[in-house]
Amino acid sequence: MVLHAAAGVDRPAAGPLRAAPGDPAGRPGRASGSWSERQDGPTSCTLVTVGDVRDLRSRRGAPPPLLDEEVVLTAERSAPRQARHWVMRAVAAAGVGGASNQVIELLAGELVSNAVVHGPAGEPVRVAVRVDGYVVRVAVTDRGGGQPQVRSLEPTAASGRGMALVDALSTSWGSARLPDGGTTVWFEVDTDV
C-alpha cells in the first residue's frame, strides 16, 4: 500500500509519527495533505522533514513528461507550415496556450525552415516535442551537416533572421552533430516565466 499526498487535508499516516531526527524540541512531525490509497506495486516512500511539516515523496523519481511526441516530415516547402500546426496543436493539448504557444509555434517553424533550406531536399526532417512541467523542448533533426548561427543582417535583408528569433525568444537553444552526419537543433521555452 502506498499513500499519496495532495495539499489540503490532514490525516494521520499509518502509525504515529515520531519526532524528526535532530529536532531539538522533540516535536512529532505532521504529515499534511489529503490521502488516497493505491495498490500499484512495490513503491517505497520517504518522509522528508520540511520544518515542522513532513513531505511524502516517492522514490520512483520525477513524473513522466506531459507530452513526448515526434513527427517526421519531408524536407519540402510545405514542411514548416505542417510543423508549426502540428507543434501548436500538440502543446495546446498538453495545456500550453497563449503567448507561449505562439512563440513555440513560431520557433518550431523557423527551425524546420532552416532544415528545409540548408538540408538535403526530399529527405526526412524529424520534429520532436517534449512538455515537461513548465518547460517545452522542440528538437528538429535533419540530414544536413551545417551548424546554425545567429547572424547580424542588414535591415533590408530578405531572410536570415530565424536563429536570431530563436536566440531572442527561447529560454535556451543549442545544436548537436549526429554520428551519421545529420544535425539536431533544439530550443526550450519556459512557459512559467
Protein backbone atom coordinates (compact mmCIF):
# COMPACT_ATOMS: atom_id res chain seq x y z
CA MET A 1 0.00 0.00 0.00
CA VAL A 2 1.27 3.46 -0.91
CA LEU A 3 0.00 6.73 0.46
CA HIS A 4 -0.07 9.70 -1.90
CA ALA A 5 -0.43 13.24 -0.58
CA ALA A 6 -2.17 16.25 -2.06
CA ALA A 7 -2.44 19.62 -0.33
CA GLY A 8 -5.46 20.45 1.74
CA VAL A 9 -6.50 17.97 4.46
CA ASP A 10 -4.73 16.32 7.41
CA ARG A 11 -5.00 12.61 8.05
CA PRO A 12 -2.59 10.63 10.15
CA ALA A 13 -0.44 8.16 8.26
CA ALA A 14 -0.38 4.50 9.29
CA GLY A 15 1.02 4.58 12.81
CA PRO A 16 2.08 7.59 14.86
CA LEU A 17 4.79 9.86 13.55
CA ARG A 18 7.79 10.28 15.78
CA ALA A 19 9.94 13.31 16.29
CA ALA A 20 12.13 14.14 13.35
CA PRO A 21 15.75 13.10 13.86
CA GLY A 22 17.72 16.04 15.14
CA ASP A 23 14.62 18.02 16.15
CA PRO A 24 15.78 19.74 19.37
CA ALA A 25 12.23 20.21 20.65
CA GLY A 26 11.37 16.56 20.15
CA ARG A 27 8.15 17.58 18.40
CA PRO A 28 6.39 14.87 16.44
CA GLY A 29 6.18 15.51 12.74
CA ARG A 30 2.91 16.07 11.00
CA ALA A 31 2.02 14.90 7.52
CA SER A 32 -0.36 17.23 5.77
CA GLY A 33 -2.45 16.64 2.70
CA SER A 34 -5.36 14.58 1.54
CA TRP A 35 -4.58 10.90 1.29
CA SER A 36 -5.55 8.21 -1.15
CA GLU A 37 -4.52 4.60 -1.04
CA ARG A 38 -3.20 2.91 -4.18
CA GLN A 39 -2.19 -0.65 -4.80
CA ASP A 40 0.26 -0.11 -7.66
CA GLY A 41 3.30 -2.18 -6.91
CA PRO A 42 6.43 -2.06 -4.85
CA THR A 43 6.88 1.66 -4.40
CA SER A 44 8.83 2.78 -1.39
CA CYS A 45 8.20 6.19 0.08
CA THR A 46 10.25 8.52 2.15
CA LEU A 47 9.11 11.02 4.75
CA VAL A 48 11.26 14.12 4.39
CA THR A 49 11.35 16.68 7.19
CA VAL A 50 10.45 20.17 5.96
CA GLY A 51 10.47 22.40 9.02
CA ASP A 52 7.64 21.21 11.27
CA VAL A 53 5.85 19.51 8.39
CA ARG A 54 6.84 16.27 6.72
CA ASP A 55 6.60 15.78 2.99
CA LEU A 56 5.80 12.38 1.49
CA ARG A 57 7.81 11.78 -1.69
CA SER A 58 8.04 8.70 -3.83
CA ARG A 59 11.44 7.20 -4.61
CA ARG A 60 10.32 6.41 -8.15
CA GLY A 61 11.60 9.78 -9.33
CA ALA A 62 10.07 12.57 -11.32
CA PRO A 63 6.71 12.08 -13.00
CA PRO A 64 6.78 11.39 -16.73
CA PRO A 65 6.54 14.34 -19.11
CA LEU A 66 3.10 15.56 -20.08
CA LEU A 67 3.99 15.13 -23.75
CA ASP A 68 6.81 13.39 -25.61
CA GLU A 69 5.95 13.02 -29.30
CA GLU A 70 7.52 13.42 -32.71
CA VAL A 71 6.53 13.68 -36.34
CA VAL A 72 8.62 13.02 -39.45
CA LEU A 73 8.13 15.35 -42.42
CA THR A 74 9.74 15.55 -45.84
CA ALA A 75 12.12 18.46 -46.46
CA GLU A 76 9.94 20.47 -48.83
CA ARG A 77 8.37 23.93 -48.91
CA SER A 78 5.22 22.87 -47.00
CA ALA A 79 7.15 21.28 -44.09
CA PRO A 80 7.49 24.46 -41.94
CA ARG A 81 3.74 25.10 -42.09
CA GLN A 82 2.96 21.44 -41.29
CA ALA A 83 5.41 21.51 -38.38
CA ARG A 84 4.01 24.78 -36.95
CA HIS A 85 0.44 23.45 -36.99
CA TRP A 86 1.41 20.07 -35.51
CA VAL A 87 3.52 21.66 -32.73
CA MET A 88 0.81 24.23 -31.93
CA ARG A 89 -1.85 21.52 -31.54
CA ALA A 90 0.44 19.17 -29.59
CA VAL A 91 1.49 21.72 -26.96
CA ALA A 92 -2.07 23.08 -26.71
CA ALA A 93 -3.29 19.54 -25.95
CA ALA A 94 -0.70 19.42 -23.14
CA GLY A 95 -2.14 22.63 -21.66
CA VAL A 96 0.27 25.23 -23.09
CA GLY A 97 -1.62 28.18 -24.51
CA GLY A 98 -1.47 31.90 -25.09
CA ALA A 99 1.76 33.69 -25.97
CA SER A 100 3.91 30.69 -25.03
CA ASN A 101 2.12 28.52 -27.58
CA GLN A 102 2.58 31.19 -30.27
CA VAL A 103 6.30 31.59 -29.53
CA ILE A 104 6.83 27.82 -29.63
CA GLU A 105 4.92 27.60 -32.92
CA LEU A 106 6.99 30.41 -34.47
CA LEU A 107 10.35 28.99 -33.35
CA ALA A 108 9.49 25.46 -34.46
CA GLY A 109 8.64 26.82 -37.91
CA GLU A 110 11.97 28.66 -38.05
CA LEU A 111 13.97 25.52 -37.20
CA VAL A 112 12.11 23.45 -39.79
CA SER A 113 12.59 26.22 -42.37
CA ASN A 114 16.33 26.06 -41.72
CA ALA A 115 16.26 22.27 -42.13
CA VAL A 116 14.47 22.62 -45.47
CA VAL A 117 16.70 25.43 -46.78
CA HIS A 118 20.06 24.13 -45.53
CA GLY A 119 19.48 20.35 -45.51
CA PRO A 120 19.12 17.93 -48.41
CA ALA A 121 15.83 18.29 -50.33
CA GLY A 122 13.33 15.47 -50.09
CA GLU A 123 14.98 13.94 -47.02
CA PRO A 124 13.20 13.31 -43.70
CA VAL A 125 13.01 16.08 -41.08
CA ARG A 126 12.17 14.85 -37.58
CA VAL A 127 10.35 17.24 -35.21
CA ALA A 128 10.20 16.17 -31.55
CA VAL A 129 8.21 17.95 -28.83
CA ARG A 130 8.56 17.36 -25.12
CA VAL A 131 6.48 19.15 -22.46
CA ASP A 132 7.97 18.51 -19.05
CA GLY A 133 6.38 20.60 -16.33
CA TYR A 134 6.65 24.23 -17.42
CA VAL A 135 9.42 23.59 -19.96
CA VAL A 136 8.66 22.87 -23.62
CA ARG A 137 11.52 21.50 -25.73
CA VAL A 138 11.37 21.24 -29.51
CA ALA A 139 14.14 19.47 -31.45
CA VAL A 140 14.46 19.35 -35.23
CA THR A 141 16.75 16.78 -36.84
CA ASP A 142 17.76 16.69 -40.49
CA ARG A 143 20.48 15.03 -42.55
CA GLY A 144 22.27 18.29 -43.32
CA GLY A 145 25.71 18.91 -41.90
CA GLY A 146 25.55 22.65 -41.19
CA GLN A 147 25.59 24.32 -37.80
CA PRO A 148 23.12 27.14 -37.07
CA GLN A 149 24.47 30.62 -36.47
CA VAL A 150 22.92 33.83 -35.21
CA ARG A 151 23.77 36.42 -37.83
CA SER A 152 23.68 40.20 -37.87
CA LEU A 153 21.91 41.30 -41.05
CA GLU A 154 21.13 44.50 -42.86
CA PRO A 155 17.59 45.69 -42.14
CA THR A 156 16.70 45.19 -45.81
CA ALA A 157 17.85 41.52 -45.95
CA ALA A 158 15.04 39.25 -47.20
CA SER A 159 15.91 36.28 -44.95
CA GLY A 160 18.34 35.01 -42.34
CA ARG A 161 16.67 36.08 -39.09
CA GLY A 162 15.42 32.66 -37.95
CA MET A 163 18.18 31.86 -35.47
CA ALA A 164 18.12 35.44 -34.16
CA LEU A 165 14.45 34.87 -33.30
CA VAL A 166 15.27 31.54 -31.66
CA ASP A 167 18.06 33.19 -29.67
CA ALA A 168 15.86 36.11 -28.57
CA LEU A 169 12.63 34.27 -27.74
CA SER A 170 13.72 30.91 -26.31
CA THR A 171 14.96 30.23 -22.80
CA SER A 172 17.87 28.23 -24.24
CA TRP A 173 18.87 26.59 -27.51
CA GLY A 174 21.66 24.52 -28.98
CA SER A 175 22.67 22.08 -31.67
CA ALA A 176 24.46 18.77 -31.97
CA ARG A 177 26.14 16.94 -34.83
CA LEU A 178 24.99 13.35 -35.14
CA PRO A 179 27.31 10.40 -35.89
CA ASP A 180 25.53 9.83 -39.23
CA GLY A 181 26.34 13.39 -40.33
CA GLY A 182 22.96 14.91 -39.51
CA THR A 183 22.23 17.82 -37.20
CA THR A 184 19.76 18.33 -34.36
CA VAL A 185 18.83 21.89 -33.41
CA TRP A 186 16.70 22.37 -30.30
CA PHE A 187 15.20 25.12 -28.18
CA GLU A 188 13.44 25.29 -24.83
CA VAL A 189 10.77 27.73 -23.70
CA ASP A 190 9.94 28.09 -20.01
CA THR A 191 6.20 28.73 -20.06
CA ASP A 192 6.16 29.81 -16.40
CA VAL A 193 8.22 32.97 -16.98
